């Protein structure tokens, strides 16, 4: 019978330990680098997907805005103001108001003119208090132009919420509301005295 010899353990030197630690560090660095690259790729893919989503939603929002604006076409708005006694001579959509230097001062969705009264209508899919405040500032800028000197400026806006409607009326503006297939102007009688800018 052969005698079994006991295996002698190999002695680990300090150099072996340093070599092992260096290999472990290199493996860890490679793994960390690979993870970071994968995380960066995933983040980039998520950002691109979010941009694409935002673009699609922006396009949809623009189309919805166009639908709302076309609902309030100048002819329909003109008829509603005529029901209040205004004799609209001029109606324009997407009207740019320029100053003496021919630079744009303001843009309005609808401009209506009845003799010496000019109505500037702002239409939004959801008109907010901030939009109303911007419209007031727009009216004040337009008031300073020579083109509308001596004319009364009236503001109007298309509104969705009751809170915004109340705010617009407090500011002295007419309110246009969509009611099914038609639109109506609030308030519906001539007793309302709109603010003149």
C-alpha atoms as a PDB file:
ATOM      1  CA  UNK A   1       0.000   0.000   0.000  1.00  0.00           C
ATOM      2  CA  UNK A   2       1.175   3.387  -0.923  1.00  0.00           C
ATOM      3  CA  UNK A   3       1.681   5.775   1.821  1.00  0.00           C
ATOM      4  CA  UNK A   4      -0.336   8.867   1.562  1.00  0.00           C
ATOM      5  CA  UNK A   5       1.580  12.000   1.956  1.00  0.00           C
ATOM      6  CA  UNK A   6      -0.070  14.956   3.587  1.00  0.00           C
ATOM      7  CA  UNK A   7      -0.344  17.927   1.269  1.00  0.00           C
ATOM      8  CA  UNK A   8       1.694  20.795   2.448  1.00  0.00           C
ATOM      9  CA  UNK A   9      -0.125  24.073   2.347  1.00  0.00           C
ATOM     10  CA  UNK A  10       1.404  26.592   0.014  1.00  0.00           C
ATOM     11  CA  UNK A  11       2.788  29.547   1.794  1.00  0.00           C
ATOM     12  CA  UNK A  12       1.121  32.847   0.898  1.00  0.00           C
ATOM     13  CA  UNK A  13       3.582  35.631   0.636  1.00  0.00           C
ATOM     14  CA  UNK A  14       2.927  39.297   1.053  1.00  0.00           C
ATOM     15  CA  UNK A  15       3.429  39.700  -2.698  1.00  0.00           C
ATOM     16  CA  UNK A  16       0.670  37.132  -3.310  1.00  0.00           C
ATOM     17  CA  UNK A  17      -1.667  39.071  -1.038  1.00  0.00           C
ATOM     18  CA  UNK A  18      -0.904  42.386  -2.803  1.00  0.00           C
ATOM     19  CA  UNK A  19      -1.423  40.708  -6.184  1.00  0.00           C
ATOM     20  CA  UNK A  20      -4.787  39.282  -5.026  1.00  0.00           C
ATOM     21  CA  UNK A  21      -5.923  42.693  -3.669  1.00  0.00           C
ATOM     22  CA  UNK A  22      -4.838  44.413  -6.897  1.00  0.00           C
ATOM     23  CA  UNK A  23      -6.837  41.897  -8.962  1.00  0.00           C
ATOM     24  CA  UNK A  24      -9.870  42.301  -6.681  1.00  0.00           C
ATOM     25  CA  UNK A  25      -9.632  46.097  -6.960  1.00  0.00           C
ATOM     26  CA  UNK A  26      -9.325  45.861 -10.756  1.00  0.00           C
ATOM     27  CA  UNK A  27     -12.366  43.556 -10.938  1.00  0.00           C
ATOM     28  CA  UNK A  28     -14.353  45.894  -8.662  1.00  0.00           C
ATOM     29  CA  UNK A  29     -13.377  48.945 -10.767  1.00  0.00           C
ATOM     30  CA  UNK A  30     -14.352  47.165 -13.996  1.00  0.00           C
ATOM     31  CA  UNK A  31     -17.687  46.091 -12.486  1.00  0.00           C
ATOM     32  CA  UNK A  32     -18.358  49.615 -11.163  1.00  0.00           C
ATOM     33  CA  UNK A  33     -17.463  51.106 -14.551  1.00  0.00           C
ATOM     34  CA  UNK A  34     -19.810  48.640 -16.293  1.00  0.00           C
ATOM     35  CA  UNK A  35     -22.617  49.453 -13.822  1.00  0.00           C
ATOM     36  CA  UNK A  36     -22.109  53.200 -14.280  1.00  0.00           C
ATOM     37  CA  UNK A  37     -22.159  52.809 -18.073  1.00  0.00           C
ATOM     38  CA  UNK A  38     -25.385  50.798 -17.863  1.00  0.00           C
ATOM     39  CA  UNK A  39     -26.933  53.358 -15.507  1.00  0.00           C
ATOM     40  CA  UNK A  40     -25.909  56.180 -17.869  1.00  0.00           C
ATOM     41  CA  UNK A  41     -27.421  54.318 -20.852  1.00  0.00           C
ATOM     42  CA  UNK A  42     -30.663  53.736 -18.949  1.00  0.00           C
ATOM     43  CA  UNK A  43     -30.781  57.373 -17.818  1.00  0.00           C
ATOM     44  CA  UNK A  44     -30.190  58.576 -21.391  1.00  0.00           C
ATOM     45  CA  UNK A  45     -32.906  56.235 -22.697  1.00  0.00           C
ATOM     46  CA  UNK A  46     -35.343  57.517 -20.022  1.00  0.00           C
ATOM     47  CA  UNK A  47     -34.478  61.158 -20.849  1.00  0.00           C
ATOM     48  CA  UNK A  48     -34.999  60.536 -24.576  1.00  0.00           C
ATOM     49  CA  UNK A  49     -38.316  58.787 -23.855  1.00  0.00           C
ATOM     50  CA  UNK A  50     -39.365  61.710 -21.630  1.00  0.00           C
ATOM     51  CA  UNK A  51     -38.424  64.222 -24.356  1.00  0.00           C
ATOM     52  CA  UNK A  52     -40.409  62.240 -26.908  1.00  0.00           C
ATOM     53  CA  UNK A  53     -43.367  62.110 -24.506  1.00  0.00           C
ATOM     54  CA  UNK A  54     -43.128  65.870 -23.858  1.00  0.00           C
ATOM     55  CA  UNK A  55     -42.999  66.518 -27.609  1.00  0.00           C
ATOM     56  CA  UNK A  56     -46.080  64.362 -28.209  1.00  0.00           C
ATOM     57  CA  UNK A  57     -47.935  66.029 -25.338  1.00  0.00           C
ATOM     58  CA  UNK A  58     -46.851  69.465 -26.579  1.00  0.00           C
ATOM     59  CA  UNK A  59     -48.127  68.655 -30.054  1.00  0.00           C
ATOM     60  CA  UNK A  60     -51.396  67.429 -28.570  1.00  0.00           C
ATOM     61  CA  UNK A  61     -51.675  70.544 -26.406  1.00  0.00           C
ATOM     62  CA  UNK A  62     -51.041  72.765 -29.443  1.00  0.00           C
ATOM     63  CA  UNK A  63     -53.719  70.929 -31.413  1.00  0.00           C
ATOM     64  CA  UNK A  64     -56.143  71.235 -28.503  1.00  0.00           C
ATOM     65  CA  UNK A  65     -55.326  74.955 -28.291  1.00  0.00           C
ATOM     66  CA  UNK A  66     -56.037  75.296 -32.015  1.00  0.00           C
ATOM     67  CA  UNK A  67     -59.397  73.561 -31.581  1.00  0.00           C
ATOM     68  CA  UNK A  68     -60.310  75.921 -28.745  1.00  0.00           C
ATOM     69  CA  UNK A  69     -59.196  78.988 -30.725  1.00  0.00           C
ATOM     70  CA  UNK A  70     -61.149  77.871 -33.792  1.00  0.00           C
ATOM     71  CA  UNK A  71     -64.231  77.451 -31.602  1.00  0.00           C
ATOM     72  CA  UNK A  72     -63.966  81.134 -30.798  1.00  0.00           C
ATOM     73  CA  UNK A  73     -63.462  82.306 -34.379  1.00  0.00           C
ATOM     74  CA  UNK A  74     -63.925  86.042 -34.910  1.00  0.00           C
ATOM     75  CA  UNK A  75     -67.289  85.609 -36.655  1.00  0.00           C
ATOM     76  CA  UNK A  76     -68.817  83.741 -33.704  1.00  0.00           C
ATOM     77  CA  UNK A  77     -67.397  86.217 -31.189  1.00  0.00           C
ATOM     78  CA  UNK A  78     -68.480  89.138 -33.391  1.00  0.00           C
ATOM     79  CA  UNK A  79     -72.079  87.837 -33.440  1.00  0.00           C
ATOM     80  CA  UNK A  80     -72.119  87.526 -29.653  1.00  0.00           C
ATOM     81  CA  UNK A  81     -70.865  91.090 -29.187  1.00  0.00           C
ATOM     82  CA  UNK A  82     -73.442  92.261 -31.740  1.00  0.00           C
ATOM     83  CA  UNK A  83     -76.129  90.703 -29.512  1.00  0.00           C
ATOM     84  CA  UNK A  84     -74.893  93.073 -26.773  1.00  0.00           C
ATOM     85  CA  UNK A  85     -75.314  96.058 -29.097  1.00  0.00           C
ATOM     86  CA  UNK A  86     -71.793  96.415 -30.465  1.00  0.00           C
ATOM     87  CA  UNK A  87     -71.546  97.114 -34.177  1.00  0.00           C
ATOM     88  CA  UNK A  88     -68.335  95.330 -35.063  1.00  0.00           C
ATOM     89  CA  UNK A  89     -66.718  96.787 -38.172  1.00  0.00           C
ATOM     90  CA  UNK A  90     -63.448  94.851 -38.065  1.00  0.00           C
ATOM     91  CA  UNK A  91     -62.667  91.367 -36.781  1.00  0.00           C
ATOM     92  CA  UNK A  92     -59.211  89.792 -36.997  1.00  0.00           C
ATOM     93  CA  UNK A  93     -57.654  86.615 -35.664  1.00  0.00           C
ATOM     94  CA  UNK A  94     -54.037  86.295 -34.431  1.00  0.00           C
ATOM     95  CA  UNK A  95     -53.533  90.043 -34.687  1.00  0.00           C
ATOM     96  CA  UNK A  96     -50.091  91.586 -34.066  1.00  0.00           C
ATOM     97  CA  UNK A  97     -50.021  95.125 -32.693  1.00  0.00           C
ATOM     98  CA  UNK A  98     -46.913  97.113 -33.550  1.00  0.00           C
ATOM     99  CA  UNK A  99     -45.510 100.324 -32.187  1.00  0.00           C
ATOM    100  CA  UNK A 100     -44.234 103.401 -34.006  1.00  0.00           C
ATOM    101  CA  UNK A 101     -40.953 101.582 -34.722  1.00  0.00           C
ATOM    102  CA  UNK A 102     -42.926  98.710 -36.334  1.00  0.00           C
ATOM    103  CA  UNK A 103     -41.790  96.249 -33.655  1.00  0.00           C
ATOM    104  CA  UNK A 104     -44.361  93.895 -32.161  1.00  0.00           C
ATOM    105  CA  UNK A 105     -45.825  95.162 -28.894  1.00  0.00           C
ATOM    106  CA  UNK A 106     -48.493  92.532 -28.398  1.00  0.00           C
ATOM    107  CA  UNK A 107     -50.318  89.710 -30.079  1.00  0.00           C
ATOM    108  CA  UNK A 108     -54.000  89.035 -29.506  1.00  0.00           C
ATOM    109  CA  UNK A 109     -56.065  86.015 -30.446  1.00  0.00           C
ATOM    110  CA  UNK A 110     -59.011  88.124 -31.669  1.00  0.00           C
ATOM    111  CA  UNK A 111     -59.306  91.861 -32.238  1.00  0.00           C
ATOM    112  CA  UNK A 112     -62.754  93.422 -32.735  1.00  0.00           C
ATOM    113  CA  UNK A 113     -63.377  97.083 -33.543  1.00  0.00           C
ATOM    114  CA  UNK A 114     -66.666  98.923 -33.086  1.00  0.00           C
ATOM    115  CA  UNK A 115     -66.054 102.555 -34.018  1.00  0.00           C
ATOM    116  CA  UNK A 116     -63.947 103.936 -31.195  1.00  0.00           C
ATOM    117  CA  UNK A 117     -64.104 100.741 -29.134  1.00  0.00           C
ATOM    118  CA  UNK A 118     -61.522  98.015 -29.651  1.00  0.00           C
ATOM    119  CA  UNK A 119     -61.921  94.651 -27.918  1.00  0.00           C
ATOM    120  CA  UNK A 120     -58.870  92.444 -27.437  1.00  0.00           C
ATOM    121  CA  UNK A 121     -59.772  88.804 -26.792  1.00  0.00           C
ATOM    122  CA  UNK A 122     -57.361  86.311 -25.202  1.00  0.00           C
ATOM    123  CA  UNK A 123     -58.210  82.627 -25.690  1.00  0.00           C
ATOM    124  CA  UNK A 124     -56.606  79.790 -23.738  1.00  0.00           C
ATOM    125  CA  UNK A 125     -57.589  76.172 -23.265  1.00  0.00           C
ATOM    126  CA  UNK A 126     -57.619  77.003 -19.558  1.00  0.00           C
ATOM    127  CA  UNK A 127     -57.406  80.692 -18.785  1.00  0.00           C
ATOM    128  CA  UNK A 128     -55.712  81.277 -15.422  1.00  0.00           C
ATOM    129  CA  UNK A 129     -55.458  84.341 -13.198  1.00  0.00           C
ATOM    130  CA  UNK A 130     -51.886  84.766 -14.456  1.00  0.00           C
ATOM    131  CA  UNK A 131     -53.176  84.827 -18.069  1.00  0.00           C
ATOM    132  CA  UNK A 132     -55.716  87.473 -17.082  1.00  0.00           C
ATOM    133  CA  UNK A 133     -52.994  89.565 -15.416  1.00  0.00           C
ATOM    134  CA  UNK A 134     -50.861  89.223 -18.578  1.00  0.00           C
ATOM    135  CA  UNK A 135     -53.843  90.331 -20.662  1.00  0.00           C
ATOM    136  CA  UNK A 136     -54.294  93.408 -18.443  1.00  0.00           C
ATOM    137  CA  UNK A 137     -50.602  94.241 -19.002  1.00  0.00           C
ATOM    138  CA  UNK A 138     -51.066  93.669 -22.749  1.00  0.00           C
ATOM    139  CA  UNK A 139     -54.014  96.086 -22.764  1.00  0.00           C
ATOM    140  CA  UNK A 140     -51.928  98.672 -20.924  1.00  0.00           C
ATOM    141  CA  UNK A 141     -49.095  98.332 -23.475  1.00  0.00           C
ATOM    142  CA  UNK A 142     -51.536  98.645 -26.365  1.00  0.00           C
ATOM    143  CA  UNK A 143     -53.087 101.686 -24.688  1.00  0.00           C
ATOM    144  CA  UNK A 144     -49.729 103.461 -25.080  1.00  0.00           C
ATOM    145  CA  UNK A 145     -49.613 103.025 -28.882  1.00  0.00           C
ATOM    146  CA  UNK A 146     -50.621 105.765 -31.306  1.00  0.00           C
ATOM    147  CA  UNK A 147     -52.653 103.272 -33.357  1.00  0.00           C
ATOM    148  CA  UNK A 148     -55.300 103.059 -30.637  1.00  0.00           C
ATOM    149  CA  UNK A 149     -55.055 106.632 -29.379  1.00  0.00           C
ATOM    150  CA  UNK A 150     -58.514 107.982 -28.576  1.00  0.00           C
ATOM    151  CA  UNK A 151     -60.082 104.525 -28.671  1.00  0.00           C
ATOM    152  CA  UNK A 152     -61.558 102.658 -25.730  1.00  0.00           C
ATOM    153  CA  UNK A 153     -59.860  99.304 -25.192  1.00  0.00           C
ATOM    154  CA  UNK A 154     -61.904  96.473 -23.731  1.00  0.00           C
ATOM    155  CA  UNK A 155     -60.575  93.096 -22.621  1.00  0.00           C
ATOM    156  CA  UNK A 156     -62.208  89.711 -22.977  1.00  0.00           C
ATOM    157  CA  UNK A 157     -61.060  86.163 -22.372  1.00  0.00           C
ATOM    158  CA  UNK A 158     -62.232  82.614 -22.883  1.00  0.00           C
ATOM    159  CA  UNK A 159     -62.579  80.968 -19.472  1.00  0.00           C
ATOM    160  CA  UNK A 160     -63.109  77.491 -18.073  1.00  0.00           C
ATOM    161  CA  UNK A 161     -63.294  77.706 -14.263  1.00  0.00           C
ATOM    162  CA  UNK A 162     -65.775  79.701 -12.159  1.00  0.00           C
ATOM    163  CA  UNK A 163     -62.962  81.143 -10.024  1.00  0.00           C
ATOM    164  CA  UNK A 164     -61.166  82.509 -13.090  1.00  0.00           C
ATOM    165  CA  UNK A 165     -64.435  83.818 -14.508  1.00  0.00           C
ATOM    166  CA  UNK A 166     -65.088  85.794 -11.306  1.00  0.00           C
ATOM    167  CA  UNK A 167     -61.533  87.166 -11.394  1.00  0.00           C
ATOM    168  CA  UNK A 168     -61.843  88.245 -15.049  1.00  0.00           C
ATOM    169  CA  UNK A 169     -65.153  89.995 -14.312  1.00  0.00           C
ATOM    170  CA  UNK A 170     -63.541  91.753 -11.319  1.00  0.00           C
ATOM    171  CA  UNK A 171     -60.853  93.016 -13.705  1.00  0.00           C
ATOM    172  CA  UNK A 172     -63.639  94.502 -15.869  1.00  0.00           C
ATOM    173  CA  UNK A 173     -63.331  92.028 -18.716  1.00  0.00           C
ATOM    174  CA  UNK A 174     -65.980  90.241 -20.677  1.00  0.00           C
ATOM    175  CA  UNK A 175     -65.876  86.477 -20.345  1.00  0.00           C
ATOM    176  CA  UNK A 176     -66.445  84.116 -23.265  1.00  0.00           C
ATOM    177  CA  UNK A 177     -67.658  80.652 -22.371  1.00  0.00           C
ATOM    178  CA  UNK A 178     -68.185  77.641 -24.532  1.00  0.00           C
ATOM    179  CA  UNK A 179     -71.648  76.172 -24.044  1.00  0.00           C
ATOM    180  CA  UNK A 180     -71.947  72.989 -26.046  1.00  0.00           C
ATOM    181  CA  UNK A 181     -71.725  73.914 -29.721  1.00  0.00           C
ATOM    182  CA  UNK A 182     -72.025  77.648 -29.138  1.00  0.00           C
ATOM    183  CA  UNK A 183     -70.323  80.346 -27.100  1.00  0.00           C
ATOM    184  CA  UNK A 184     -71.771  82.971 -24.848  1.00  0.00           C
ATOM    185  CA  UNK A 185     -70.489  86.196 -23.349  1.00  0.00           C
ATOM    186  CA  UNK A 186     -70.780  86.856 -19.641  1.00  0.00           C
ATOM    187  CA  UNK A 187     -72.432  88.955 -18.407  1.00  0.00           C
ATOM    188  CA  UNK A 188     -75.220  88.738 -20.956  1.00  0.00           C
ATOM    189  CA  UNK A 189     -76.671  92.216 -20.699  1.00  0.00           C
ATOM    190  CA  UNK A 190     -75.575  95.766 -21.397  1.00  0.00           C
ATOM    191  CA  UNK A 191     -75.758  96.704 -17.701  1.00  0.00           C
ATOM    192  CA  UNK A 192     -72.177  95.420 -17.329  1.00  0.00           C
ATOM    193  CA  UNK A 193     -69.738  98.259 -17.787  1.00  0.00           C
ATOM    194  CA  UNK A 194     -66.435  96.876 -19.033  1.00  0.00           C
ATOM    195  CA  UNK A 195     -63.234  98.510 -17.922  1.00  0.00           C
ATOM    196  CA  UNK A 196     -61.711 100.728 -20.599  1.00  0.00           C
ATOM    197  CA  UNK A 197     -57.943 100.883 -20.898  1.00  0.00           C
END
